[in-house]
């Protein structure tokens, strides 16, 4: 990905990447982004076995991952704010 981003930054082409992959370059003014219309969406799934119960050691990790993802999503690193 770094070589692809370098080529895009130098004007040699385009790429399709998640916003989280390029947000620092966008904030630095080194890249411009355009959303797809209709937007491309994704769901993140944290799956556990239906045959084995979740261990008590895993429950705090599960909660921590869920909290961290909510925090990341709220910062708009994964999805930029709509243009004004």
Protein backbone atom coordinates (compact mmCIF):
# COMPACT_ATOMS: atom_id res chain seq x y z
CA UNK A 1 0.00 0.00 0.00
CA UNK A 2 2.77 2.57 0.64
CA UNK A 3 3.97 2.35 -2.96
CA UNK A 4 0.40 2.71 -4.25
CA UNK A 5 -0.19 5.74 -2.05
CA UNK A 6 3.08 7.29 -3.21
CA UNK A 7 2.03 6.89 -6.85
CA UNK A 8 -1.39 8.41 -6.14
CA UNK A 9 0.19 11.27 -4.20
CA UNK A 10 2.45 11.99 -7.18
CA UNK A 11 -0.59 12.08 -9.49
CA UNK A 12 0.12 8.80 -11.30
CA UNK A 13 -3.31 7.30 -10.67
CA UNK A 14 -6.12 6.53 -8.29
CA UNK A 15 -6.88 3.89 -5.69
CA UNK A 16 -9.82 2.61 -3.70
CA UNK A 17 -9.08 2.31 0.02
CA UNK A 18 -10.88 2.68 3.33
CA UNK A 19 -10.77 6.22 4.67
CA UNK A 20 -8.89 4.99 7.76
CA UNK A 21 -5.98 4.06 5.49
CA UNK A 22 -5.52 7.59 4.18
CA UNK A 23 -7.02 9.97 6.74
CA UNK A 24 -3.63 11.30 7.89
CA UNK A 25 -2.61 12.05 4.29
CA UNK A 26 -5.97 13.76 3.68
CA UNK A 27 -5.64 15.84 6.87
CA UNK A 28 -2.11 16.83 5.77
CA UNK A 29 -3.47 17.99 2.40
CA UNK A 30 -1.46 15.40 0.51
CA UNK A 31 -4.47 13.50 -0.90
CA UNK A 32 -8.06 14.27 -1.82
CA UNK A 33 -10.88 11.80 -1.38
CA UNK A 34 -14.26 11.36 -3.02
CA UNK A 35 -16.95 9.09 -1.60
CA UNK A 36 -18.77 6.53 -3.68
CA UNK A 37 -22.43 7.19 -4.41
CA UNK A 38 -24.12 5.06 -3.25
CA UNK A 39 -21.63 4.53 -0.43
CA UNK A 40 -19.82 1.26 0.11
CA UNK A 41 -20.48 -0.02 3.62
CA UNK A 42 -19.15 -2.84 5.76
CA UNK A 43 -19.97 -4.57 8.99
CA UNK A 44 -17.42 -5.75 11.49
CA UNK A 45 -18.35 -8.98 13.18
CA UNK A 46 -16.80 -10.40 16.33
CA UNK A 47 -17.81 -14.06 16.20
CA UNK A 48 -17.66 -16.73 18.85
CA UNK A 49 -18.29 -20.45 18.70
CA UNK A 50 -21.89 -21.60 19.02
CA UNK A 51 -20.56 -24.92 20.35
CA UNK A 52 -18.36 -23.56 23.14
CA UNK A 53 -19.42 -20.89 25.61
CA UNK A 54 -17.41 -17.69 25.81
CA UNK A 55 -14.81 -18.03 28.56
CA UNK A 56 -14.77 -15.60 31.46
CA UNK A 57 -11.31 -14.50 30.27
CA UNK A 58 -12.70 -13.51 26.89
CA UNK A 59 -15.60 -11.35 28.13
CA UNK A 60 -13.43 -8.36 29.18
CA UNK A 61 -11.55 -8.55 25.87
CA UNK A 62 -14.84 -8.63 23.97
CA UNK A 63 -16.05 -5.51 25.85
CA UNK A 64 -12.71 -3.72 25.32
CA UNK A 65 -12.73 -4.39 21.56
CA UNK A 66 -16.33 -3.20 21.28
CA UNK A 67 -15.53 0.00 23.26
CA UNK A 68 -12.39 0.69 21.21
CA UNK A 69 -14.27 0.27 17.94
CA UNK A 70 -17.00 2.66 19.08
CA UNK A 71 -14.32 5.21 20.01
CA UNK A 72 -12.55 4.88 16.66
CA UNK A 73 -15.80 5.18 14.73
CA UNK A 74 -16.80 8.29 16.70
CA UNK A 75 -13.56 10.05 15.64
CA UNK A 76 -14.54 9.73 11.97
CA UNK A 77 -11.23 8.07 11.12
CA UNK A 78 -13.16 5.26 9.46
CA UNK A 79 -15.68 7.51 7.79
CA UNK A 80 -15.08 11.19 7.03
CA UNK A 81 -17.58 13.85 7.96
CA UNK A 82 -19.82 14.93 5.14
CA UNK A 83 -18.45 17.95 3.23
CA UNK A 84 -20.01 21.26 4.31
